[in-house]
Amino acid sequence: MTLIMIEEDVLKDILDRAAYLRKVIVQFYERIRDKGLDEWLTMEQVCGILNISDAKVRSLKRSGRIGYIKCGKTCRFHSGDTYNLLERVEKSANG
């Protein structure tokens, strides 16, 4: 077994950052919770809700992890899939 010592100030900083991350995730959850699961979101909305780049959203689209439809030249993303991704992030953050 390995023992790691952390200074008190460093531990407090880590815990503060974890609390901030939880707060941000809860805010994102609250923003999407009121959306109907059958609603379709724009790229910008998904990026804002999940706090990720448009390149990451395109990657999720290509891998099939988020549902989408083509609307002319743009894509709309399924809010239920966005909600599920947000829940998974929250669960992993809470460990």
N, C-alpha and C. Protein backbone atom coordinates (compact mmCIF):
# COMPACT_ATOMS: atom_id res chain seq x y z
N MET A 1 0.84 -1.17 0.00
CA MET A 1 0.00 0.00 0.00
C MET A 1 0.89 1.25 0.00
N THR A 2 0.51 2.22 -0.81
CA THR A 2 1.27 3.46 -0.91
C THR A 2 0.56 4.56 -0.14
N LEU A 3 1.31 5.30 0.62
CA LEU A 3 0.76 6.40 1.40
C LEU A 3 1.16 7.71 0.72
N ILE A 4 0.17 8.54 0.47
CA ILE A 4 0.42 9.84 -0.15
C ILE A 4 0.02 10.91 0.85
N MET A 5 0.91 11.82 1.09
CA MET A 5 0.63 12.92 2.01
C MET A 5 0.31 14.17 1.19
N ILE A 6 -0.76 14.85 1.59
CA ILE A 6 -1.17 16.08 0.92
C ILE A 6 -1.25 17.18 1.97
N GLU A 7 -0.69 18.32 1.64
CA GLU A 7 -0.76 19.45 2.56
C GLU A 7 -2.20 19.89 2.71
N GLU A 8 -2.54 20.43 3.86
CA GLU A 8 -3.91 20.81 4.16
C GLU A 8 -4.44 21.82 3.15
N ASP A 9 -3.64 22.82 2.78
CA ASP A 9 -4.08 23.83 1.82
C ASP A 9 -4.39 23.22 0.45
N VAL A 10 -3.58 22.26 0.05
CA VAL A 10 -3.79 21.60 -1.24
C VAL A 10 -5.07 20.77 -1.20
N LEU A 11 -5.29 20.06 -0.11
CA LEU A 11 -6.51 19.27 0.04
C LEU A 11 -7.75 20.18 0.02
N LYS A 12 -7.70 21.30 0.72
CA LYS A 12 -8.82 22.24 0.71
C LYS A 12 -9.09 22.75 -0.70
N ASP A 13 -8.02 23.03 -1.45
CA ASP A 13 -8.17 23.50 -2.84
C ASP A 13 -8.83 22.43 -3.70
N ILE A 14 -8.42 21.19 -3.53
CA ILE A 14 -9.02 20.08 -4.29
C ILE A 14 -10.50 19.95 -3.96
N LEU A 15 -10.83 20.01 -2.68
CA LEU A 15 -12.23 19.89 -2.26
C LEU A 15 -13.06 21.07 -2.76
N ASP A 16 -12.48 22.27 -2.74
CA ASP A 16 -13.18 23.45 -3.27
C ASP A 16 -13.46 23.30 -4.76
N ARG A 17 -12.50 22.79 -5.49
CA ARG A 17 -12.70 22.59 -6.92
C ARG A 17 -13.76 21.53 -7.19
N ALA A 18 -13.77 20.46 -6.39
CA ALA A 18 -14.79 19.42 -6.55
C ALA A 18 -16.17 19.98 -6.25
N ALA A 19 -16.29 20.83 -5.23
CA ALA A 19 -17.57 21.44 -4.89
C ALA A 19 -18.03 22.36 -6.02
N TYR A 20 -17.10 23.11 -6.62
CA TYR A 20 -17.43 23.99 -7.74
C TYR A 20 -17.92 23.16 -8.93
N LEU A 21 -17.23 22.07 -9.22
CA LEU A 21 -17.64 21.21 -10.33
C LEU A 21 -19.04 20.66 -10.10
N ARG A 22 -19.33 20.24 -8.89
CA ARG A 22 -20.67 19.74 -8.58
C ARG A 22 -21.71 20.83 -8.80
N LYS A 23 -21.41 22.05 -8.36
CA LYS A 23 -22.33 23.17 -8.54
C LYS A 23 -22.61 23.42 -10.02
N VAL A 24 -21.57 23.38 -10.84
CA VAL A 24 -21.73 23.60 -12.28
C VAL A 24 -22.59 22.50 -12.89
N ILE A 25 -22.35 21.27 -12.51
CA ILE A 25 -23.12 20.15 -13.05
C ILE A 25 -24.59 20.27 -12.65
N VAL A 26 -24.85 20.64 -11.41
CA VAL A 26 -26.23 20.82 -10.96
C VAL A 26 -26.91 21.93 -11.76
N GLN A 27 -26.20 23.01 -12.03
CA GLN A 27 -26.76 24.11 -12.83
C GLN A 27 -27.11 23.62 -14.24
N PHE A 28 -26.23 22.85 -14.86
CA PHE A 28 -26.52 22.32 -16.19
C PHE A 28 -27.72 21.38 -16.14
N TYR A 29 -27.78 20.55 -15.11
CA TYR A 29 -28.90 19.63 -14.95
C TYR A 29 -30.21 20.41 -14.84
N GLU A 30 -30.21 21.47 -14.05
CA GLU A 30 -31.41 22.28 -13.88
C GLU A 30 -31.84 22.93 -15.20
N ARG A 31 -30.87 23.31 -16.02
CA ARG A 31 -31.19 23.94 -17.30
C ARG A 31 -31.87 22.98 -18.25
N ILE A 32 -31.48 21.72 -18.23
CA ILE A 32 -32.06 20.77 -19.18
C ILE A 32 -33.25 20.02 -18.61
N ARG A 33 -33.38 19.99 -17.30
CA ARG A 33 -34.44 19.22 -16.67
C ARG A 33 -35.82 19.65 -17.15
N ASP A 34 -36.00 20.93 -17.38
CA ASP A 34 -37.30 21.44 -17.78
C ASP A 34 -37.61 21.22 -19.26
N LYS A 35 -36.65 20.77 -20.02
CA LYS A 35 -36.89 20.49 -21.44
C LYS A 35 -37.62 19.16 -21.56
N GLY A 36 -38.56 19.07 -22.46
CA GLY A 36 -39.22 17.80 -22.73
C GLY A 36 -38.23 16.85 -23.38
N LEU A 37 -38.33 15.57 -23.06
CA LEU A 37 -37.36 14.62 -23.58
C LEU A 37 -37.51 14.41 -25.08
N ASP A 38 -38.59 14.87 -25.66
CA ASP A 38 -38.76 14.73 -27.10
C ASP A 38 -38.39 16.00 -27.86
N GLU A 39 -37.87 16.99 -27.17
CA GLU A 39 -37.47 18.23 -27.82
C GLU A 39 -36.11 18.05 -28.50
N TRP A 40 -35.86 18.89 -29.48
CA TRP A 40 -34.60 18.84 -30.22
C TRP A 40 -33.83 20.12 -29.96
N LEU A 41 -32.55 19.99 -29.72
CA LEU A 41 -31.70 21.11 -29.35
C LEU A 41 -30.73 21.46 -30.47
N THR A 42 -30.30 22.72 -30.50
CA THR A 42 -29.29 23.14 -31.46
C THR A 42 -27.91 22.74 -30.95
N MET A 43 -26.93 22.82 -31.83
CA MET A 43 -25.54 22.54 -31.45
C MET A 43 -25.12 23.45 -30.29
N GLU A 44 -25.46 24.73 -30.39
CA GLU A 44 -25.07 25.68 -29.36
C GLU A 44 -25.70 25.34 -28.01
N GLN A 45 -26.95 24.91 -28.02
CA GLN A 45 -27.62 24.54 -26.78
C GLN A 45 -26.96 23.33 -26.13
N VAL A 46 -26.63 22.32 -26.94
CA VAL A 46 -25.98 21.12 -26.41
C VAL A 46 -24.60 21.48 -25.83
N CYS A 47 -23.85 22.31 -26.57
CA CYS A 47 -22.54 22.74 -26.08
C CYS A 47 -22.67 23.45 -24.74
N GLY A 48 -23.67 24.32 -24.61
CA GLY A 48 -23.86 25.06 -23.37
C GLY A 48 -24.30 24.18 -22.22
N ILE A 49 -25.20 23.26 -22.50
CA ILE A 49 -25.72 22.38 -21.45
C ILE A 49 -24.63 21.46 -20.92
N LEU A 50 -23.86 20.88 -21.84
CA LEU A 50 -22.83 19.92 -21.44
C LEU A 50 -21.48 20.59 -21.19
N ASN A 51 -21.38 21.89 -21.51
CA ASN A 51 -20.14 22.64 -21.37
C ASN A 51 -18.99 21.96 -22.13
N ILE A 52 -19.25 21.64 -23.39
CA ILE A 52 -18.26 21.02 -24.26
C ILE A 52 -18.21 21.78 -25.58
N SER A 53 -17.18 21.51 -26.37
CA SER A 53 -17.02 22.19 -27.65
C SER A 53 -17.90 21.56 -28.72
N ASP A 54 -18.08 22.29 -29.81
CA ASP A 54 -18.86 21.72 -30.91
C ASP A 54 -18.16 20.52 -31.53
N ALA A 55 -16.82 20.50 -31.49
CA ALA A 55 -16.08 19.34 -32.00
C ALA A 55 -16.43 18.09 -31.18
N LYS A 56 -16.57 18.24 -29.86
CA LYS A 56 -16.92 17.11 -29.00
C LYS A 56 -18.34 16.64 -29.29
N VAL A 57 -19.26 17.58 -29.54
CA VAL A 57 -20.63 17.20 -29.87
C VAL A 57 -20.64 16.42 -31.19
N ARG A 58 -19.86 16.88 -32.16
CA ARG A 58 -19.78 16.15 -33.44
C ARG A 58 -19.20 14.75 -33.23
N SER A 59 -18.25 14.63 -32.32
CA SER A 59 -17.68 13.32 -32.00
C SER A 59 -18.74 12.41 -31.37
N LEU A 60 -19.55 12.95 -30.46
CA LEU A 60 -20.63 12.18 -29.85
C LEU A 60 -21.65 11.75 -30.91
N LYS A 61 -21.89 12.63 -31.87
CA LYS A 61 -22.83 12.34 -32.96
C LYS A 61 -22.29 11.20 -33.82
N ARG A 62 -21.01 11.30 -34.21
CA ARG A 62 -20.40 10.26 -35.05
C ARG A 62 -20.38 8.90 -34.36
N SER A 63 -20.16 8.90 -33.04
CA SER A 63 -20.07 7.63 -32.31
C SER A 63 -21.44 7.07 -31.95
N GLY A 64 -22.51 7.84 -32.24
CA GLY A 64 -23.86 7.35 -31.95
C GLY A 64 -24.29 7.52 -30.50
N ARG A 65 -23.55 8.33 -29.74
CA ARG A 65 -23.88 8.52 -28.32
C ARG A 65 -24.93 9.59 -28.10
N ILE A 66 -25.26 10.34 -29.16
CA ILE A 66 -26.30 11.35 -29.05
C ILE A 66 -27.12 11.34 -30.33
N GLY A 67 -28.44 11.28 -30.17
CA GLY A 67 -29.32 11.23 -31.33
C GLY A 67 -29.45 12.59 -32.00
N TYR A 68 -29.61 12.57 -33.31
CA TYR A 68 -29.74 13.83 -34.04
C TYR A 68 -30.56 13.62 -35.30
N ILE A 69 -31.03 14.74 -35.83
CA ILE A 69 -31.69 14.74 -37.13
C ILE A 69 -31.11 15.89 -37.93
N LYS A 70 -31.15 15.76 -39.24
CA LYS A 70 -30.68 16.83 -40.12
C LYS A 70 -31.86 17.74 -40.42
N CYS A 71 -31.64 19.04 -40.27
CA CYS A 71 -32.63 20.06 -40.61
C CYS A 71 -31.96 20.97 -41.63
N GLY A 72 -32.10 20.64 -42.88
CA GLY A 72 -31.38 21.40 -43.91
C GLY A 72 -29.90 21.17 -43.75
N LYS A 73 -29.15 22.25 -43.53
CA LYS A 73 -27.70 22.13 -43.38
C LYS A 73 -27.27 21.97 -41.92
N THR A 74 -28.22 22.06 -41.00
CA THR A 74 -27.88 21.97 -39.58
C THR A 74 -28.40 20.66 -38.98
N CYS A 75 -27.91 20.36 -37.81
CA CYS A 75 -28.37 19.18 -37.06
C CYS A 75 -29.09 19.65 -35.81
N ARG A 76 -30.08 18.88 -35.41
CA ARG A 76 -30.75 19.07 -34.13
C ARG A 76 -30.49 17.81 -33.31
N PHE A 77 -30.26 17.99 -32.02
CA PHE A 77 -29.86 16.89 -31.16
C PHE A 77 -30.96 16.57 -30.16
N HIS A 78 -31.14 15.29 -29.91
CA HIS A 78 -32.22 14.82 -29.04
C HIS A 78 -31.92 15.23 -27.59
N SER A 79 -32.86 15.94 -26.97
CA SER A 79 -32.64 16.43 -25.61
C SER A 79 -32.57 15.28 -24.60
N GLY A 80 -33.27 14.18 -24.85
CA GLY A 80 -33.21 13.03 -23.94
C GLY A 80 -31.81 12.45 -23.87
N ASP A 81 -31.13 12.38 -25.02
CA ASP A 81 -29.75 11.89 -25.03
C ASP A 81 -28.83 12.86 -24.29
N THR A 82 -29.06 14.15 -24.49
CA THR A 82 -28.26 15.17 -23.80
C THR A 82 -28.46 15.04 -22.29
N TYR A 83 -29.70 14.85 -21.88
CA TYR A 83 -30.02 14.68 -20.46
C TYR A 83 -29.30 13.45 -19.89
N ASN A 84 -29.33 12.35 -20.63
CA ASN A 84 -28.67 11.12 -20.17
C ASN A 84 -27.16 11.31 -20.03
N LEU A 85 -26.54 12.01 -21.00
CA LEU A 85 -25.11 12.28 -20.91
C LEU A 85 -24.80 13.12 -19.67
N LEU A 86 -25.63 14.12 -19.42
CA LEU A 86 -25.44 14.99 -18.26
C LEU A 86 -25.56 14.19 -16.97
N GLU A 87 -26.51 13.28 -16.89
CA GLU A 87 -26.67 12.45 -15.69
C GLU A 87 -25.44 11.57 -15.47
N ARG A 88 -24.91 11.00 -16.56
CA ARG A 88 -23.71 10.16 -16.42
C ARG A 88 -22.53 10.96 -15.91
N VAL A 89 -22.37 12.19 -16.40
CA VAL A 89 -21.29 13.06 -15.94
C VAL A 89 -21.47 13.36 -14.46
N GLU A 90 -22.70 13.64 -14.05
CA GLU A 90 -22.97 13.94 -12.64
C GLU A 90 -22.66 12.75 -11.76
N LYS A 91 -23.06 11.56 -12.20
CA LYS A 91 -22.80 10.35 -11.39
C LYS A 91 -21.30 10.10 -11.26
N SER A 92 -20.55 10.27 -12.37
CA SER A 92 -19.11 10.03 -12.28
C SER A 92 -18.41 11.10 -11.44
N ALA A 93 -18.94 12.32 -11.42
CA ALA A 93 -18.36 13.38 -10.61
C ALA A 93 -18.59 13.13 -9.12
N ASN A 94 -19.73 12.52 -8.81
CA ASN A 94 -20.04 12.23 -7.41
C ASN A 94 -19.38 10.94 -6.95
N GLY A 95 -18.83 10.18 -7.92
CA GLY A 95 -18.05 8.99 -7.65
C GLY A 95 -18.76 8.02 -6.84
